[in-house]
PDB file of N, CA and C in Angstrom:
ATOM      1  N   MET A   1      84.689  90.787  34.000  1.00  0.00           N
ATOM      2  CA  MET A   1      85.575  90.936  35.128  1.00  0.00           C
ATOM      3  C   MET A   1      84.840  91.696  36.228  1.00  0.00           C
ATOM      4  N   LYS A   2      84.800  91.125  37.421  1.00  0.00           N
ATOM      5  CA  LYS A   2      84.176  91.794  38.559  1.00  0.00           C
ATOM      6  C   LYS A   2      85.149  92.781  39.179  1.00  0.00           C
ATOM      7  N   LEU A   3      84.616  93.951  39.530  1.00  0.00           N
ATOM      8  CA  LEU A   3      85.401  94.968  40.218  1.00  0.00           C
ATOM      9  C   LEU A   3      84.740  95.297  41.549  1.00  0.00           C
ATOM     10  N   TYR A   4      85.569  95.638  42.508  1.00  0.00           N
ATOM     11  CA  TYR A   4      85.101  96.043  43.820  1.00  0.00           C
ATOM     12  C   TYR A   4      85.713  97.404  44.097  1.00  0.00           C
ATOM     13  N   GLY A   5      84.907  98.301  44.666  1.00  0.00           N
ATOM     14  CA  GLY A   5      85.388  99.650  44.841  1.00  0.00           C
ATOM     15  C   GLY A   5      85.210 100.181  46.236  1.00  0.00           C
ATOM     16  N   GLY A   6      85.985 101.184  46.508  1.00  0.00           N
ATOM     17  CA  GLY A   6      85.883 101.901  47.764  1.00  0.00           C
ATOM     18  C   GLY A   6      86.053 103.379  47.514  1.00  0.00           C
ATOM     19  N   ILE A   7      85.311 104.165  48.277  1.00  0.00           N
ATOM     20  CA  ILE A   7      85.443 105.612  48.209  1.00  0.00           C
ATOM     21  C   ILE A   7      85.746 106.097  49.620  1.00  0.00           C
ATOM     22  N   ASP A   8      86.894 106.728  49.785  1.00  0.00           N
ATOM     23  CA  ASP A   8      87.283 107.319  51.060  1.00  0.00           C
ATOM     24  C   ASP A   8      86.893 108.789  50.992  1.00  0.00           C
ATOM     25  N   LEU A   9      85.807 109.122  51.650  1.00  0.00           N
ATOM     26  CA  LEU A   9      85.217 110.464  51.572  1.00  0.00           C
ATOM     27  C   LEU A   9      85.858 111.382  52.602  1.00  0.00           C
ATOM     28  N   HIS A  10      86.504 112.430  52.123  1.00  0.00           N
ATOM     29  CA  HIS A  10      87.122 113.444  52.979  1.00  0.00           C
ATOM     30  C   HIS A  10      86.272 114.714  52.929  1.00  0.00           C
ATOM     31  N   GLY A  11      86.738 115.754  53.561  1.00  0.00           N
ATOM     32  CA  GLY A  11      85.991 116.999  53.622  1.00  0.00           C
ATOM     33  C   GLY A  11      85.717 117.640  52.273  1.00  0.00           C
ATOM     34  N   ASP A  12      86.733 117.717  51.417  1.00  0.00           N
ATOM     35  CA  ASP A  12      86.540 118.379  50.122  1.00  0.00           C
ATOM     36  C   ASP A  12      86.944 117.525  48.929  1.00  0.00           C
ATOM     37  N   ASN A  13      87.367 116.282  49.177  1.00  0.00           N
ATOM     38  CA  ASN A  13      87.728 115.386  48.089  1.00  0.00           C
ATOM     39  C   ASN A  13      87.478 113.946  48.505  1.00  0.00           C
ATOM     40  N   SER A  14      87.503 113.061  47.535  1.00  0.00           N
ATOM     41  CA  SER A  14      87.338 111.632  47.784  1.00  0.00           C
ATOM     42  C   SER A  14      88.410 110.876  47.022  1.00  0.00           C
ATOM     43  N   VAL A  15      88.849 109.785  47.601  1.00  0.00           N
ATOM     44  CA  VAL A  15      89.766 108.888  46.907  1.00  0.00           C
ATOM     45  C   VAL A  15      88.947 107.673  46.491  1.00  0.00           C
ATOM     46  N   ILE A  16      88.913 107.424  45.195  1.00  0.00           N
ATOM     47  CA  ILE A  16      88.164 106.304  44.630  1.00  0.00           C
ATOM     48  C   ILE A  16      89.169 105.246  44.194  1.00  0.00           C
ATOM     49  N   ALA A  17      88.933 104.002  44.603  1.00  0.00           N
ATOM     50  CA  ALA A  17      89.796 102.898  44.192  1.00  0.00           C
ATOM     51  C   ALA A  17      88.929 101.740  43.725  1.00  0.00           C
ATOM     52  N   LEU A  18      89.319 101.144  42.618  1.00  0.00           N
ATOM     53  CA  LEU A  18      88.639  99.964  42.084  1.00  0.00           C
ATOM     54  C   LEU A  18      89.669  98.864  41.917  1.00  0.00           C
ATOM     55  N   VAL A  19      89.355  97.672  42.427  1.00  0.00           N
ATOM     56  CA  VAL A  19      90.252  96.528  42.310  1.00  0.00           C
ATOM     57  C   VAL A  19      89.498  95.348  41.704  1.00  0.00           C
ATOM     58  N   ASP A  20      90.265  94.453  41.054  1.00  0.00           N
ATOM     59  CA  ASP A  20      89.654  93.257  40.481  1.00  0.00           C
ATOM     60  C   ASP A  20      89.728  92.105  41.482  1.00  0.00           C
ATOM     61  N   GLU A  21      89.322  90.929  41.055  1.00  0.00           N
ATOM     62  CA  GLU A  21      89.265  89.775  41.951  1.00  0.00           C
ATOM     63  C   GLU A  21      90.640  89.279  42.389  1.00  0.00           C
ATOM     64  N   GLN A  22      91.688  89.692  41.703  1.00  0.00           N
ATOM     65  CA  GLN A  22      93.051  89.322  42.081  1.00  0.00           C
ATOM     66  C   GLN A  22      93.759  90.466  42.810  1.00  0.00           C
ATOM     67  N   ASP A  23      92.983  91.424  43.315  1.00  0.00           N
ATOM     68  CA  ASP A  23      93.489  92.602  44.018  1.00  0.00           C
ATOM     69  C   ASP A  23      94.334  93.519  43.134  1.00  0.00           C
ATOM     70  N   GLY A  24      94.146  93.420  41.835  1.00  0.00           N
ATOM     71  CA  GLY A  24      94.835  94.329  40.922  1.00  0.00           C
ATOM     72  C   GLY A  24      94.099  95.656  40.869  1.00  0.00           C
ATOM     73  N   VAL A  25      94.813  96.731  41.073  1.00  0.00           N
ATOM     74  CA  VAL A  25      94.201  98.064  41.065  1.00  0.00           C
ATOM     75  C   VAL A  25      93.898  98.455  39.622  1.00  0.00           C
ATOM     76  N   LYS A  26      92.631  98.712  39.335  1.00  0.00           N
ATOM     77  CA  LYS A  26      92.197  99.109  37.994  1.00  0.00           C
ATOM     78  C   LYS A  26      92.066 100.617  37.860  1.00  0.00           C
ATOM     79  N   ASN A  27      91.793 101.276  38.967  1.00  0.00           N
ATOM     80  CA  ASN A  27      91.665 102.739  38.955  1.00  0.00           C
ATOM     81  C   ASN A  27      91.832 103.228  40.378  1.00  0.00           C
ATOM     82  N   GLN A  28      92.595 104.286  40.545  1.00  0.00           N
ATOM     83  CA  GLN A  28      92.713 104.942  41.840  1.00  0.00           C
ATOM     84  C   GLN A  28      92.936 106.414  41.570  1.00  0.00           C
ATOM     85  N   ARG A  29      92.031 107.222  42.073  1.00  0.00           N
ATOM     86  CA  ARG A  29      92.110 108.651  41.767  1.00  0.00           C
ATOM     87  C   ARG A  29      91.472 109.473  42.875  1.00  0.00           C
ATOM     88  N   ARG A  30      92.033 110.638  43.121  1.00  0.00           N
ATOM     89  CA  ARG A  30      91.450 111.610  44.055  1.00  0.00           C
ATOM     90  C   ARG A  30      90.649 112.603  43.221  1.00  0.00           C
ATOM     91  N   VAL A  31      89.389 112.812  43.605  1.00  0.00           N
ATOM     92  CA  VAL A  31      88.523 113.741  42.876  1.00  0.00           C
ATOM     93  C   VAL A  31      87.838 114.673  43.869  1.00  0.00           C
ATOM     94  N   THR A  32      87.364 115.792  43.363  1.00  0.00           N
ATOM     95  CA  THR A  32      86.636 116.724  44.220  1.00  0.00           C
ATOM     96  C   THR A  32      85.301 116.105  44.636  1.00  0.00           C
ATOM     97  N   ASN A  33      84.796 116.548  45.759  1.00  0.00           N
ATOM     98  CA  ASN A  33      83.514 116.050  46.257  1.00  0.00           C
ATOM     99  C   ASN A  33      82.362 116.707  45.510  1.00  0.00           C
ATOM    100  N   ASP A  34      82.100 116.142  44.374  1.00  0.00           N
ATOM    101  CA  ASP A  34      81.008 116.584  43.515  1.00  0.00           C
ATOM    102  C   ASP A  34      80.394 115.311  42.945  1.00  0.00           C
ATOM    103  N   LEU A  35      79.109 115.102  43.194  1.00  0.00           N
ATOM    104  CA  LEU A  35      78.470 113.858  42.779  1.00  0.00           C
ATOM    105  C   LEU A  35      78.656 113.596  41.289  1.00  0.00           C
ATOM    106  N   ALA A  36      78.474 114.601  40.460  1.00  0.00           N
ATOM    107  CA  ALA A  36      78.628 114.416  39.013  1.00  0.00           C
ATOM    108  C   ALA A  36      80.046 113.965  38.671  1.00  0.00           C
ATOM    109  N   ARG A  37      81.041 114.525  39.334  1.00  0.00           N
ATOM    110  CA  ARG A  37      82.442 114.155  39.076  1.00  0.00           C
ATOM    111  C   ARG A  37      82.719 112.717  39.520  1.00  0.00           C
ATOM    112  N   ILE A  38      82.177 112.322  40.654  1.00  0.00           N
ATOM    113  CA  ILE A  38      82.369 110.957  41.153  1.00  0.00           C
ATOM    114  C   ILE A  38      81.687 109.956  40.231  1.00  0.00           C
ATOM    115  N   LEU A  39      80.464 110.252  39.807  1.00  0.00           N
ATOM    116  CA  LEU A  39      79.760 109.359  38.880  1.00  0.00           C
ATOM    117  C   LEU A  39      80.500 109.266  37.547  1.00  0.00           C
ATOM    118  N   GLU A  40      81.066 110.369  37.107  1.00  0.00           N
ATOM    119  CA  GLU A  40      81.851 110.383  35.867  1.00  0.00           C
ATOM    120  C   GLU A  40      83.064 109.459  35.988  1.00  0.00           C
ATOM    121  N   GLU A  41      83.709 109.487  37.134  1.00  0.00           N
ATOM    122  CA  GLU A  41      84.884 108.639  37.359  1.00  0.00           C
ATOM    123  C   GLU A  41      84.514 107.153  37.377  1.00  0.00           C
ATOM    124  N   LEU A  42      83.338 106.823  37.905  1.00  0.00           N
ATOM    125  CA  LEU A  42      82.895 105.431  37.994  1.00  0.00           C
ATOM    126  C   LEU A  42      82.273 104.917  36.695  1.00  0.00           C
ATOM    127  N   ALA A  43      81.781 105.806  35.852  1.00  0.00           N
ATOM    128  CA  ALA A  43      81.010 105.426  34.668  1.00  0.00           C
ATOM    129  C   ALA A  43      81.683 104.395  33.758  1.00  0.00           C
ATOM    130  N   PRO A  44      82.961 104.524  33.430  1.00  0.00           N
ATOM    131  CA  PRO A  44      83.562 103.539  32.517  1.00  0.00           C
ATOM    132  C   PRO A  44      83.601 102.122  33.080  1.00  0.00           C
ATOM    133  N   TYR A  45      83.471 101.989  34.381  1.00  0.00           N
ATOM    134  CA  TYR A  45      83.586 100.692  35.042  1.00  0.00           C
ATOM    135  C   TYR A  45      82.245 100.173  35.559  1.00  0.00           C
ATOM    136  N   GLN A  46      81.189 100.946  35.370  1.00  0.00           N
ATOM    137  CA  GLN A  46      79.911 100.668  36.016  1.00  0.00           C
ATOM    138  C   GLN A  46      79.395  99.250  35.783  1.00  0.00           C
ATOM    139  N   SER A  47      79.508  98.742  34.583  1.00  0.00           N
ATOM    140  CA  SER A  47      78.950  97.421  34.301  1.00  0.00           C
ATOM    141  C   SER A  47      79.734  96.301  34.993  1.00  0.00           C
ATOM    142  N   SER A  48      80.933  96.583  35.462  1.00  0.00           N
ATOM    143  CA  SER A  48      81.764  95.580  36.121  1.00  0.00           C
ATOM    144  C   SER A  48      81.779  95.700  37.641  1.00  0.00           C
ATOM    145  N   ILE A  49      81.292  96.818  38.186  1.00  0.00           N
ATOM    146  CA  ILE A  49      81.353  97.027  39.631  1.00  0.00           C
ATOM    147  C   ILE A  49      80.328  96.136  40.322  1.00  0.00           C
ATOM    148  N   THR A  50      80.841  95.254  41.192  1.00  0.00           N
ATOM    149  CA  THR A  50      79.997  94.326  41.938  1.00  0.00           C
ATOM    150  C   THR A  50      79.635  94.900  43.296  1.00  0.00           C
ATOM    151  N   GLY A  51      80.545  95.608  43.903  1.00  0.00           N
ATOM    152  CA  GLY A  51      80.300  96.206  45.212  1.00  0.00           C
ATOM    153  C   GLY A  51      81.060  97.504  45.345  1.00  0.00           C
ATOM    154  N   LEU A  52      80.491  98.413  46.111  1.00  0.00           N
ATOM    155  CA  LEU A  52      81.109  99.720  46.314  1.00  0.00           C
ATOM    156  C   LEU A  52      80.849 100.136  47.755  1.00  0.00           C
ATOM    157  N   ALA A  53      81.916 100.407  48.495  1.00  0.00           N
ATOM    158  CA  ALA A  53      81.798 100.815  49.897  1.00  0.00           C
ATOM    159  C   ALA A  53      82.262 102.259  50.044  1.00  0.00           C
ATOM    160  N   VAL A  54      81.647 102.963  50.983  1.00  0.00           N
ATOM    161  CA  VAL A  54      82.018 104.342  51.270  1.00  0.00           C
ATOM    162  C   VAL A  54      82.495 104.411  52.716  1.00  0.00           C
ATOM    163  N   GLU A  55      83.679 104.989  52.920  1.00  0.00           N
ATOM    164  CA  GLU A  55      84.217 105.181  54.260  1.00  0.00           C
ATOM    165  C   GLU A  55      84.196 106.674  54.557  1.00  0.00           C
ATOM    166  N   SER A  56      83.555 107.022  55.669  1.00  0.00           N
ATOM    167  CA  SER A  56      83.465 108.417  56.046  1.00  0.00           C
ATOM    168  C   SER A  56      83.119 108.515  57.520  1.00  0.00           C
ATOM    169  N   THR A  57      83.605 109.542  58.165  1.00  0.00           N
ATOM    170  CA  THR A  57      83.254 109.739  59.570  1.00  0.00           C
ATOM    171  C   THR A  57      82.045 110.656  59.738  1.00  0.00           C
ATOM    172  N   PHE A  58      81.722 111.429  58.716  1.00  0.00           N
ATOM    173  CA  PHE A  58      80.554 112.304  58.768  1.00  0.00           C
ATOM    174  C   PHE A  58      80.190 112.738  57.350  1.00  0.00           C
ATOM    175  N   ASN A  59      79.008 113.280  57.197  1.00  0.00           N
ATOM    176  CA  ASN A  59      78.568 113.901  55.952  1.00  0.00           C
ATOM    177  C   ASN A  59      78.630 112.966  54.733  1.00  0.00           C
ATOM    178  N   TRP A  60      78.205 111.740  54.896  1.00  0.00           N
ATOM    179  CA  TRP A  60      78.253 110.768  53.801  1.00  0.00           C
ATOM    180  C   TRP A  60      76.919 110.611  53.097  1.00  0.00           C
ATOM    181  N   TYR A  61      75.858 111.136  53.660  1.00  0.00           N
ATOM    182  CA  TYR A  61      74.516 110.911  53.121  1.00  0.00           C
ATOM    183  C   TYR A  61      74.375 111.364  51.672  1.00  0.00           C
ATOM    184  N   TRP A  62      74.891 112.542  51.343  1.00  0.00           N
ATOM    185  CA  TRP A  62      74.748 113.072  49.986  1.00  0.00           C
ATOM    186  C   TRP A  62      75.367 112.123  48.959  1.00  0.00           C
ATOM    187  N   LEU A  63      76.506 111.523  49.308  1.00  0.00           N
ATOM    188  CA  LEU A  63      77.182 110.642  48.359  1.00  0.00           C
ATOM    189  C   LEU A  63      76.446 109.308  48.221  1.00  0.00           C
ATOM    190  N   VAL A  64      76.110 108.690  49.323  1.00  0.00           N
ATOM    191  CA  VAL A  64      75.421 107.396  49.275  1.00  0.00           C
ATOM    192  C   VAL A  64      74.052 107.550  48.615  1.00  0.00           C
ATOM    193  N   ASP A  65      73.306 108.582  48.985  1.00  0.00           N
ATOM    194  CA  ASP A  65      72.002 108.817  48.353  1.00  0.00           C
ATOM    195  C   ASP A  65      72.169 109.043  46.851  1.00  0.00           C
ATOM    196  N   GLY A  66      73.155 109.832  46.472  1.00  0.00           N
ATOM    197  CA  GLY A  66      73.386 110.112  45.058  1.00  0.00           C
ATOM    198  C   GLY A  66      73.789 108.875  44.274  1.00  0.00           C
ATOM    199  N   LEU A  67      74.638 108.044  44.863  1.00  0.00           N
ATOM    200  CA  LEU A  67      75.041 106.798  44.193  1.00  0.00           C
ATOM    201  C   LEU A  67      73.850 105.866  44.021  1.00  0.00           C
ATOM    202  N   MET A  68      73.008 105.784  45.038  1.00  0.00           N
ATOM    203  CA  MET A  68      71.855 104.886  44.966  1.00  0.00           C
ATOM    204  C   MET A  68      70.799 105.380  43.986  1.00  0.00           C
ATOM    205  N   GLU A  69      70.706 106.685  43.800  1.00  0.00           N
ATOM    206  CA  GLU A  69      69.700 107.261  42.908  1.00  0.00           C
ATOM    207  C   GLU A  69      70.189 107.414  41.471  1.00  0.00           C
ATOM    208  N   ALA A  70      71.475 107.223  41.241  1.00  0.00           N
ATOM    209  CA  ALA A  70      72.027 107.401  39.883  1.00  0.00           C
ATOM    210  C   ALA A  70      71.311 106.455  38.921  1.00  0.00           C
ATOM    211  N   PRO A  71      70.960 106.947  37.755  1.00  0.00           N
ATOM    212  CA  PRO A  71      70.157 106.144  36.808  1.00  0.00           C
ATOM    213  C   PRO A  71      70.865 104.891  36.323  1.00  0.00           C
ATOM    214  N   HIS A  72      72.169 104.820  36.361  1.00  0.00           N
ATOM    215  CA  HIS A  72      72.881 103.657  35.852  1.00  0.00           C
ATOM    216  C   HIS A  72      73.159 102.612  36.915  1.00  0.00           C
ATOM    217  N   GLN A  73      72.748 102.860  38.150  1.00  0.00           N
ATOM    218  CA  GLN A  73      73.006 101.898  39.222  1.00  0.00           C
ATOM    219  C   GLN A  73      72.124 100.665  39.055  1.00  0.00           C
ATOM    220  N   ARG A  74      72.712  99.499  39.296  1.00  0.00           N
ATOM    221  CA  ARG A  74      71.967  98.244  39.265  1.00  0.00           C
ATOM    222  C   ARG A  74      71.421  97.958  40.643  1.00  0.00           C
ATOM    223  N   THR A  75      70.352  97.209  40.710  1.00  0.00           N
ATOM    224  CA  THR A  75      69.807  96.838  42.004  1.00  0.00           C
ATOM    225  C   THR A  75      70.226  95.440  42.369  1.00  0.00           C
TER     226      THR A  75
END
């Protein structure tokens, strides 16, 4: 099953949402802005995530860089 995700990055927290191909919400959660915590939240779904977008008006580099450098990320 393919999943598509979005992370809405706020000042001190992020809202992570994962949906399937039929727009069914598989996971939606607000977590603190900590790379390890965000990766932990995504880990159970990692093999199914086809795309992941980050929405932010500022200070997004740490998250995008961390997601791209995570050892479990596919290229």
